Amino acid sequence: MGQGKQSRRERLERVRAEQRRRERRQAALIWGIGGLVTVVIITLAGFAVVTSRAERSLAEVQRFSYRGGDHSWTKVSYKETPPVGGTHNYVWQNCGIYDKPIHDELAVHSLEHGAVWITYRPDLPESEVNKLKELASADYMLLSPYPGLSAKIMVTSWNHQLKLDRADDPRLPEFIKTYKQNPKHTPEFGAACTGGLSITADQPLPTPDPEIGMPGKSPSPSASAEPPATPSPLAS
């Protein structure tokens, strides 16, 4: 009788011990899966942060070292396409949206005043151009087509330039935010981007006014009055 009770107790203890082992294994499995899920979530979140930062990174911006203040009434041959600085016309290009190419010499003067110039290949799809127009509708912005670009879209400020493949590249607004009217990189910070000319490259460059010895608007009176092909808000 006593041996029977002892045997039942032993079997009961074995059953309980096995149950405790199963519970420990289940707990370990649950904690393991939970930990793995946590690691995956943290990894994905970190990857998303890194990817987001990489997409907005301006590490690929090309930098140059042109000084400001050099002016000329003649056509200028620039090393970069489009130019990022250097000698430019005495008159600047009024900031705005243009559906035709504009003079490099006038646009560079606008860059000297802190403007950002977005250029694009003439065959860029209209949907892409419309996105660029939205970005360029702010003050101190220039937008114009530019034949012969080495990229679909290029964004330029004084001494800085970035090549892009699409209008919704997050680096584009980041570039504008960083370099537009940046006092550190703008030779004539605070100078106007209005009060100049709104001509396009199919019109003559401005020449000096012989009567007053000061910058003239253009050999053609109508050229100086012509607005951008697609008007946009300008800085006051």
C-alpha atoms as a PDB file:
ATOM      1  CA  MET A   1       0.000   0.000   0.000  1.00  0.00           C
ATOM      2  CA  GLY A   2       2.792   2.331   0.975  1.00  0.00           C
ATOM      3  CA  GLN A   3       4.725   1.471  -2.170  1.00  0.00           C
ATOM      4  CA  GLY A   4       1.669   2.278  -4.307  1.00  0.00           C
ATOM      5  CA  LYS A   5       1.295   5.693  -2.801  1.00  0.00           C
ATOM      6  CA  GLN A   6       5.014   6.326  -3.260  1.00  0.00           C
ATOM      7  CA  SER A   7       4.759   5.315  -6.920  1.00  0.00           C
ATOM      8  CA  ARG A   8       1.778   7.605  -7.530  1.00  0.00           C
ATOM      9  CA  ARG A   9       3.616  10.523  -5.894  1.00  0.00           C
ATOM     10  CA  GLU A  10       6.632   9.874  -8.071  1.00  0.00           C
ATOM     11  CA  ARG A  11       4.488   9.750 -11.210  1.00  0.00           C
ATOM     12  CA  LEU A  12       2.739  12.948 -10.139  1.00  0.00           C
ATOM     13  CA  GLU A  13       6.058  14.653  -9.554  1.00  0.00           C
ATOM     14  CA  ARG A  14       7.269  13.528 -12.974  1.00  0.00           C
ATOM     15  CA  VAL A  15       4.102  14.876 -14.587  1.00  0.00           C
ATOM     16  CA  ARG A  16       4.442  18.165 -12.742  1.00  0.00           C
ATOM     17  CA  ALA A  17       8.142  18.416 -13.614  1.00  0.00           C
ATOM     18  CA  GLU A  18       7.378  17.761 -17.274  1.00  0.00           C
ATOM     19  CA  GLN A  19       4.614  20.380 -17.160  1.00  0.00           C
ATOM     20  CA  ARG A  20       7.020  22.897 -15.656  1.00  0.00           C
ATOM     21  CA  ARG A  21       9.566  22.128 -18.412  1.00  0.00           C
ATOM     22  CA  ARG A  22       6.912  22.650 -21.084  1.00  0.00           C
ATOM     23  CA  GLU A  23       5.889  25.935 -19.495  1.00  0.00           C
ATOM     24  CA  ARG A  24       9.510  27.087 -19.395  1.00  0.00           C
ATOM     25  CA  ARG A  25       9.996  26.110 -23.045  1.00  0.00           C
ATOM     26  CA  GLN A  26       6.810  27.941 -24.053  1.00  0.00           C
ATOM     27  CA  ALA A  27       7.836  31.013 -22.077  1.00  0.00           C
ATOM     28  CA  ALA A  28      11.293  30.948 -23.647  1.00  0.00           C
ATOM     29  CA  LEU A  29       9.747  30.554 -27.095  1.00  0.00           C
ATOM     30  CA  ILE A  30       7.340  33.417 -26.502  1.00  0.00           C
ATOM     31  CA  TRP A  31      10.099  35.681 -25.201  1.00  0.00           C
ATOM     32  CA  GLY A  32      12.351  34.639 -28.057  1.00  0.00           C
ATOM     33  CA  ILE A  33       9.736  35.430 -30.678  1.00  0.00           C
ATOM     34  CA  GLY A  34       8.918  38.699 -28.928  1.00  0.00           C
ATOM     35  CA  GLY A  35      12.577  39.636 -28.837  1.00  0.00           C
ATOM     36  CA  LEU A  36      13.024  38.742 -32.481  1.00  0.00           C
ATOM     37  CA  VAL A  37      10.005  40.826 -33.440  1.00  0.00           C
ATOM     38  CA  THR A  38      11.388  43.731 -31.404  1.00  0.00           C
ATOM     39  CA  VAL A  39      14.767  43.435 -33.120  1.00  0.00           C
ATOM     40  CA  VAL A  40      13.109  43.337 -36.550  1.00  0.00           C
ATOM     41  CA  ILE A  41      10.993  46.408 -35.744  1.00  0.00           C
ATOM     42  CA  ILE A  42      14.003  48.341 -34.454  1.00  0.00           C
ATOM     43  CA  THR A  43      16.064  47.287 -37.485  1.00  0.00           C
ATOM     44  CA  LEU A  44      13.351  48.326 -39.940  1.00  0.00           C
ATOM     45  CA  ALA A  45      12.826  51.625 -38.131  1.00  0.00           C
ATOM     46  CA  GLY A  46      16.552  52.310 -38.162  1.00  0.00           C
ATOM     47  CA  PHE A  47      16.758  51.410 -41.835  1.00  0.00           C
ATOM     48  CA  ALA A  48      13.869  53.760 -42.601  1.00  0.00           C
ATOM     49  CA  VAL A  49      15.572  56.592 -40.727  1.00  0.00           C
ATOM     50  CA  VAL A  50      18.883  55.980 -42.472  1.00  0.00           C
ATOM     51  CA  THR A  51      17.176  55.713 -45.853  1.00  0.00           C
ATOM     52  CA  SER A  52      15.214  58.904 -45.255  1.00  0.00           C
ATOM     53  CA  ARG A  53      18.349  60.759 -44.260  1.00  0.00           C
ATOM     54  CA  ALA A  54      20.215  59.375 -47.267  1.00  0.00           C
ATOM     55  CA  GLU A  55      17.455  60.473 -49.621  1.00  0.00           C
ATOM     56  CA  ARG A  56      17.643  64.008 -48.232  1.00  0.00           C
ATOM     57  CA  SER A  57      21.426  64.046 -48.053  1.00  0.00           C
ATOM     58  CA  LEU A  58      23.215  66.791 -49.930  1.00  0.00           C
ATOM     59  CA  ALA A  59      26.495  64.871 -49.996  1.00  0.00           C
ATOM     60  CA  GLU A  60      26.427  64.797 -53.805  1.00  0.00           C
ATOM     61  CA  VAL A  61      26.211  68.581 -54.128  1.00  0.00           C
ATOM     62  CA  GLN A  62      29.111  69.889 -56.198  1.00  0.00           C
ATOM     63  CA  ARG A  63      30.876  72.872 -54.658  1.00  0.00           C
ATOM     64  CA  PHE A  64      32.838  75.629 -56.379  1.00  0.00           C
ATOM     65  CA  SER A  65      34.726  78.746 -55.304  1.00  0.00           C
ATOM     66  CA  TYR A  66      33.732  81.669 -57.527  1.00  0.00           C
ATOM     67  CA  ARG A  67      33.972  85.118 -56.018  1.00  0.00           C
ATOM     68  CA  GLY A  68      31.217  87.673 -56.466  1.00  0.00           C
ATOM     69  CA  GLY A  69      31.274  91.193 -57.826  1.00  0.00           C
ATOM     70  CA  ASP A  70      32.745  90.583 -61.309  1.00  0.00           C
ATOM     71  CA  HIS A  71      30.599  92.153 -64.038  1.00  0.00           C
ATOM     72  CA  SER A  72      30.734  92.386 -67.808  1.00  0.00           C
ATOM     73  CA  TRP A  73      28.494  93.641 -70.601  1.00  0.00           C
ATOM     74  CA  THR A  74      29.726  90.948 -73.002  1.00  0.00           C
ATOM     75  CA  LYS A  75      28.802  87.307 -73.438  1.00  0.00           C
ATOM     76  CA  VAL A  76      30.558  85.099 -70.896  1.00  0.00           C
ATOM     77  CA  SER A  77      31.927  81.601 -71.518  1.00  0.00           C
ATOM     78  CA  TYR A  78      31.244  79.492 -68.445  1.00  0.00           C
ATOM     79  CA  LYS A  79      32.932  76.224 -67.461  1.00  0.00           C
ATOM     80  CA  GLU A  80      29.833  74.700 -65.900  1.00  0.00           C
ATOM     81  CA  THR A  81      26.463  74.008 -67.514  1.00  0.00           C
ATOM     82  CA  PRO A  82      24.504  75.758 -66.211  1.00  0.00           C
ATOM     83  CA  PRO A  83      26.963  78.179 -64.593  1.00  0.00           C
ATOM     84  CA  VAL A  84      27.269  78.349 -60.817  1.00  0.00           C
ATOM     85  CA  GLY A  85      29.052  81.678 -60.440  1.00  0.00           C
ATOM     86  CA  GLY A  86      31.687  83.946 -61.898  1.00  0.00           C
ATOM     87  CA  THR A  87      31.539  87.022 -64.097  1.00  0.00           C
ATOM     88  CA  HIS A  88      28.011  88.085 -64.996  1.00  0.00           C
ATOM     89  CA  ASN A  89      25.975  90.897 -66.488  1.00  0.00           C
ATOM     90  CA  TYR A  90      25.382  94.134 -64.591  1.00  0.00           C
ATOM     91  CA  VAL A  91      21.647  93.403 -64.722  1.00  0.00           C
ATOM     92  CA  TRP A  92      20.049  90.418 -63.006  1.00  0.00           C
ATOM     93  CA  GLN A  93      17.216  88.150 -64.095  1.00  0.00           C
ATOM     94  CA  ASN A  94      13.934  88.741 -62.315  1.00  0.00           C
ATOM     95  CA  CYS A  95      13.097  85.669 -60.310  1.00  0.00           C
ATOM     96  CA  GLY A  96      10.164  83.696 -61.678  1.00  0.00           C
ATOM     97  CA  ILE A  97       9.141  80.844 -63.950  1.00  0.00           C
ATOM     98  CA  TYR A  98      10.227  80.892 -67.598  1.00  0.00           C
ATOM     99  CA  ASP A  99       9.129  78.541 -70.367  1.00  0.00           C
ATOM    100  CA  LYS A 100      12.126  79.492 -72.526  1.00  0.00           C
ATOM    101  CA  PRO A 101      15.861  79.450 -71.790  1.00  0.00           C
ATOM    102  CA  ILE A 102      17.238  82.592 -70.168  1.00  0.00           C
ATOM    103  CA  HIS A 103      20.630  84.282 -70.386  1.00  0.00           C
ATOM    104  CA  ASP A 104      23.318  82.691 -68.233  1.00  0.00           C
ATOM    105  CA  GLU A 105      24.827  86.092 -67.519  1.00  0.00           C
ATOM    106  CA  LEU A 106      21.610  87.429 -65.978  1.00  0.00           C
ATOM    107  CA  ALA A 107      20.789  84.236 -64.096  1.00  0.00           C
ATOM    108  CA  VAL A 108      24.235  84.147 -62.483  1.00  0.00           C
ATOM    109  CA  HIS A 109      23.656  87.667 -61.193  1.00  0.00           C
ATOM    110  CA  SER A 110      20.452  86.420 -59.566  1.00  0.00           C
ATOM    111  CA  LEU A 111      22.428  83.591 -57.967  1.00  0.00           C
ATOM    112  CA  GLU A 112      24.745  86.223 -56.544  1.00  0.00           C
ATOM    113  CA  HIS A 113      21.684  87.753 -54.857  1.00  0.00           C
ATOM    114  CA  GLY A 114      20.805  84.432 -53.207  1.00  0.00           C
ATOM    115  CA  ALA A 115      18.436  82.902 -55.760  1.00  0.00           C
ATOM    116  CA  VAL A 116      18.178  79.193 -56.539  1.00  0.00           C
ATOM    117  CA  TRP A 117      17.939  78.303 -60.225  1.00  0.00           C
ATOM    118  CA  ILE A 118      16.211  75.079 -61.303  1.00  0.00           C
ATOM    119  CA  THR A 119      16.938  74.040 -64.879  1.00  0.00           C
ATOM    120  CA  TYR A 120      15.572  71.056 -66.799  1.00  0.00           C
ATOM    121  CA  ARG A 121      15.921  69.407 -70.171  1.00  0.00           C
ATOM    122  CA  PRO A 122      13.401  70.752 -72.696  1.00  0.00           C
ATOM    123  CA  ASP A 123      12.000  67.233 -73.215  1.00  0.00           C
ATOM    124  CA  LEU A 124      11.192  66.716 -69.529  1.00  0.00           C
ATOM    125  CA  PRO A 125       7.578  65.451 -69.216  1.00  0.00           C
ATOM    126  CA  GLU A 126       4.991  68.107 -68.469  1.00  0.00           C
ATOM    127  CA  SER A 127       3.996  66.387 -65.230  1.00  0.00           C
ATOM    128  CA  GLU A 128       7.568  66.737 -63.993  1.00  0.00           C
ATOM    129  CA  VAL A 129       7.764  70.369 -65.089  1.00  0.00           C
ATOM    130  CA  ASN A 130       4.559  71.147 -63.209  1.00  0.00           C
ATOM    131  CA  LYS A 131       6.095  69.770 -60.016  1.00  0.00           C
ATOM    132  CA  LEU A 132       9.105  72.011 -60.539  1.00  0.00           C
ATOM    133  CA  LYS A 133       6.830  74.997 -61.067  1.00  0.00           C
ATOM    134  CA  GLU A 134       5.239  74.398 -57.679  1.00  0.00           C
ATOM    135  CA  LEU A 135       8.654  74.553 -56.039  1.00  0.00           C
ATOM    136  CA  ALA A 136       9.711  77.565 -58.088  1.00  0.00           C
ATOM    137  CA  SER A 137       6.629  79.633 -57.246  1.00  0.00           C
ATOM    138  CA  ALA A 138       8.301  80.980 -54.089  1.00  0.00           C
ATOM    139  CA  ASP A 139      10.479  84.065 -53.897  1.00  0.00           C
ATOM    140  CA  TYR A 140      14.157  83.986 -54.921  1.00  0.00           C
ATOM    141  CA  MET A 141      13.512  81.103 -57.325  1.00  0.00           C
ATOM    142  CA  LEU A 142      14.302  80.796 -61.017  1.00  0.00           C
ATOM    143  CA  LEU A 143      12.985  78.040 -63.289  1.00  0.00           C
ATOM    144  CA  SER A 144      13.787  77.609 -66.964  1.00  0.00           C
ATOM    145  CA  PRO A 145      14.471  74.908 -69.556  1.00  0.00           C
ATOM    146  CA  TYR A 146      18.129  74.444 -70.443  1.00  0.00           C
ATOM    147  CA  PRO A 147      19.270  72.509 -73.531  1.00  0.00           C
ATOM    148  CA  GLY A 148      22.282  70.249 -73.173  1.00  0.00           C
ATOM    149  CA  LEU A 149      22.041  69.416 -69.481  1.00  0.00           C
ATOM    150  CA  SER A 150      24.004  66.374 -68.300  1.00  0.00           C
ATOM    151  CA  ALA A 151      21.051  65.387 -66.071  1.00  0.00           C
ATOM    152  CA  LYS A 152      17.280  65.615 -66.434  1.00  0.00           C
ATOM    153  CA  ILE A 153      17.125  68.319 -63.765  1.00  0.00           C
ATOM    154  CA  MET A 154      19.824  70.455 -62.189  1.00  0.00           C
ATOM    155  CA  VAL A 155      19.451  72.825 -59.264  1.00  0.00           C
ATOM    156  CA  THR A 156      21.996  75.593 -58.764  1.00  0.00           C
ATOM    157  CA  SER A 157      22.849  78.270 -56.262  1.00  0.00           C
ATOM    158  CA  TRP A 158      25.996  80.391 -56.079  1.00  0.00           C
ATOM    159  CA  ASN A 159      28.902  77.888 -55.955  1.00  0.00           C
ATOM    160  CA  HIS A 160      26.606  74.871 -55.438  1.00  0.00           C
ATOM    161  CA  GLN A 161      24.961  72.461 -57.880  1.00  0.00           C
ATOM    162  CA  LEU A 162      23.101  69.143 -57.735  1.00  0.00           C
ATOM    163  CA  LYS A 163      22.013  66.749 -60.490  1.00  0.00           C
ATOM    164  CA  LEU A 164      18.621  65.057 -60.217  1.00  0.00           C
ATOM    165  CA  ASP A 165      16.616  62.499 -62.164  1.00  0.00           C
ATOM    166  CA  ARG A 166      13.118  63.378 -60.987  1.00  0.00           C
ATOM    167  CA  ALA A 167      11.181  66.377 -59.741  1.00  0.00           C
ATOM    168  CA  ASP A 168      10.023  64.698 -56.532  1.00  0.00           C
ATOM    169  CA  ASP A 169      13.557  63.915 -55.351  1.00  0.00           C
ATOM    170  CA  PRO A 170      13.533  64.916 -51.639  1.00  0.00           C
ATOM    171  CA  ARG A 171      16.967  66.468 -52.071  1.00  0.00           C
ATOM    172  CA  LEU A 172      15.513  69.225 -54.239  1.00  0.00           C
ATOM    173  CA  PRO A 173      13.501  70.999 -51.500  1.00  0.00           C
ATOM    174  CA  GLU A 174      16.365  70.259 -49.106  1.00  0.00           C
ATOM    175  CA  PHE A 175      18.778  72.043 -51.467  1.00  0.00           C
ATOM    176  CA  ILE A 176      16.447  75.028 -51.738  1.00  0.00           C
ATOM    177  CA  LYS A 177      16.024  75.174 -47.965  1.00  0.00           C
ATOM    178  CA  THR A 178      19.777  75.007 -47.415  1.00  0.00           C
ATOM    179  CA  TYR A 179      21.126  77.374 -50.043  1.00  0.00           C
ATOM    180  CA  LYS A 180      18.432  79.887 -50.952  1.00  0.00           C
ATOM    181  CA  GLN A 181      19.275  83.245 -49.386  1.00  0.00           C
ATOM    182  CA  ASN A 182      21.946  81.590 -47.270  1.00  0.00           C
ATOM    183  CA  PRO A 183      24.050  84.431 -45.830  1.00  0.00           C
ATOM    184  CA  LYS A 184      27.115  82.190 -45.686  1.00  0.00           C
ATOM    185  CA  HIS A 185      27.016  81.348 -49.394  1.00  0.00           C
ATOM    186  CA  THR A 186      25.403  84.469 -50.897  1.00  0.00           C
ATOM    187  CA  PRO A 187      27.896  87.143 -52.029  1.00  0.00           C
ATOM    188  CA  GLU A 188      25.209  89.852 -52.033  1.00  0.00           C
ATOM    189  CA  PHE A 189      22.893  88.576 -49.335  1.00  0.00           C
ATOM    190  CA  GLY A 190      19.608  90.489 -49.190  1.00  0.00           C
ATOM    191  CA  ALA A 191      19.924  91.999 -52.671  1.00  0.00           C
ATOM    192  CA  ALA A 192      16.712  92.022 -54.713  1.00  0.00           C
ATOM    193  CA  CYS A 193      15.577  89.438 -57.200  1.00  0.00           C
ATOM    194  CA  THR A 194      13.124  91.902 -58.776  1.00  0.00           C
ATOM    195  CA  GLY A 195      13.693  95.170 -60.569  1.00  0.00           C
ATOM    196  CA  GLY A 196      15.970  93.567 -63.148  1.00  0.00           C
ATOM    197  CA  LEU A 197      14.915  92.020 -66.452  1.00  0.00           C
ATOM    198  CA  SER A 198      12.432  89.335 -67.432  1.00  0.00           C
ATOM    199  CA  ILE A 199      13.854  88.611 -70.872  1.00  0.00           C
ATOM    200  CA  THR A 200      14.673  85.229 -72.399  1.00  0.00           C
ATOM    201  CA  ALA A 201      17.744  84.053 -74.297  1.00  0.00           C
ATOM    202  CA  ASP A 202      16.188  84.802 -77.686  1.00  0.00           C
ATOM    203  CA  GLN A 203      16.338  88.513 -76.806  1.00  0.00           C
ATOM    204  CA  PRO A 204      19.537  90.608 -76.726  1.00  0.00           C
ATOM    205  CA  LEU A 205      21.594  90.923 -73.590  1.00  0.00           C
ATOM    206  CA  PRO A 206      21.236  94.288 -71.834  1.00  0.00           C
ATOM    207  CA  THR A 207      23.812  96.946 -72.668  1.00  0.00           C
ATOM    208  CA  PRO A 208      24.846 100.151 -70.871  1.00  0.00           C
ATOM    209  CA  ASP A 209      22.749 103.247 -71.359  1.00  0.00           C
ATOM    210  CA  PRO A 210      25.065 105.736 -73.147  1.00  0.00           C
ATOM    211  CA  GLU A 211      23.105 108.717 -71.868  1.00  0.00           C
ATOM    212  CA  ILE A 212      23.534 108.036 -68.171  1.00  0.00           C
ATOM    213  CA  GLY A 213      26.460 105.628 -68.160  1.00  0.00           C
ATOM    214  CA  MET A 214      24.495 103.162 -66.059  1.00  0.00           C
ATOM    215  CA  PRO A 215      23.140  99.690 -66.750  1.00  0.00           C
ATOM    216  CA  GLY A 216      20.491  99.777 -69.435  1.00  0.00           C
ATOM    217  CA  LYS A 217      17.583  97.436 -69.700  1.00  0.00           C
ATOM    218  CA  SER A 218      17.856  96.210 -73.256  1.00  0.00           C
ATOM    219  CA  PRO A 219      18.372  97.513 -76.805  1.00  0.00           C
ATOM    220  CA  SER A 220      14.704  96.671 -77.334  1.00  0.00           C
ATOM    221  CA  PRO A 221      12.193  98.615 -75.179  1.00  0.00           C
ATOM    222  CA  SER A 222       9.695  95.774 -75.419  1.00  0.00           C
ATOM    223  CA  ALA A 223      12.248  93.278 -74.151  1.00  0.00           C
ATOM    224  CA  SER A 224      12.603  94.955 -70.799  1.00  0.00           C
ATOM    225  CA  ALA A 225       8.864  94.989 -70.262  1.00  0.00           C
ATOM    226  CA  GLU A 226       8.149  91.406 -71.272  1.00  0.00           C
ATOM    227  CA  PRO A 227       7.115  89.292 -68.244  1.00  0.00           C
ATOM    228  CA  PRO A 228       8.144  85.683 -67.675  1.00  0.00           C
ATOM    229  CA  ALA A 229       6.408  83.201 -69.923  1.00  0.00           C
ATOM    230  CA  THR A 230       4.657  81.759 -66.889  1.00  0.00           C
ATOM    231  CA  PRO A 231       4.331  84.429 -64.194  1.00  0.00           C
ATOM    232  CA  SER A 232       5.003  83.489 -60.597  1.00  0.00           C
ATOM    233  CA  PRO A 233       5.018  85.372 -57.271  1.00  0.00           C
ATOM    234  CA  LEU A 234       8.131  87.482 -56.859  1.00  0.00           C
ATOM    235  CA  ALA A 235       9.907  88.786 -53.802  1.00  0.00           C
ATOM    236  CA  SER A 236       8.929  92.291 -52.867  1.00  0.00           C
END
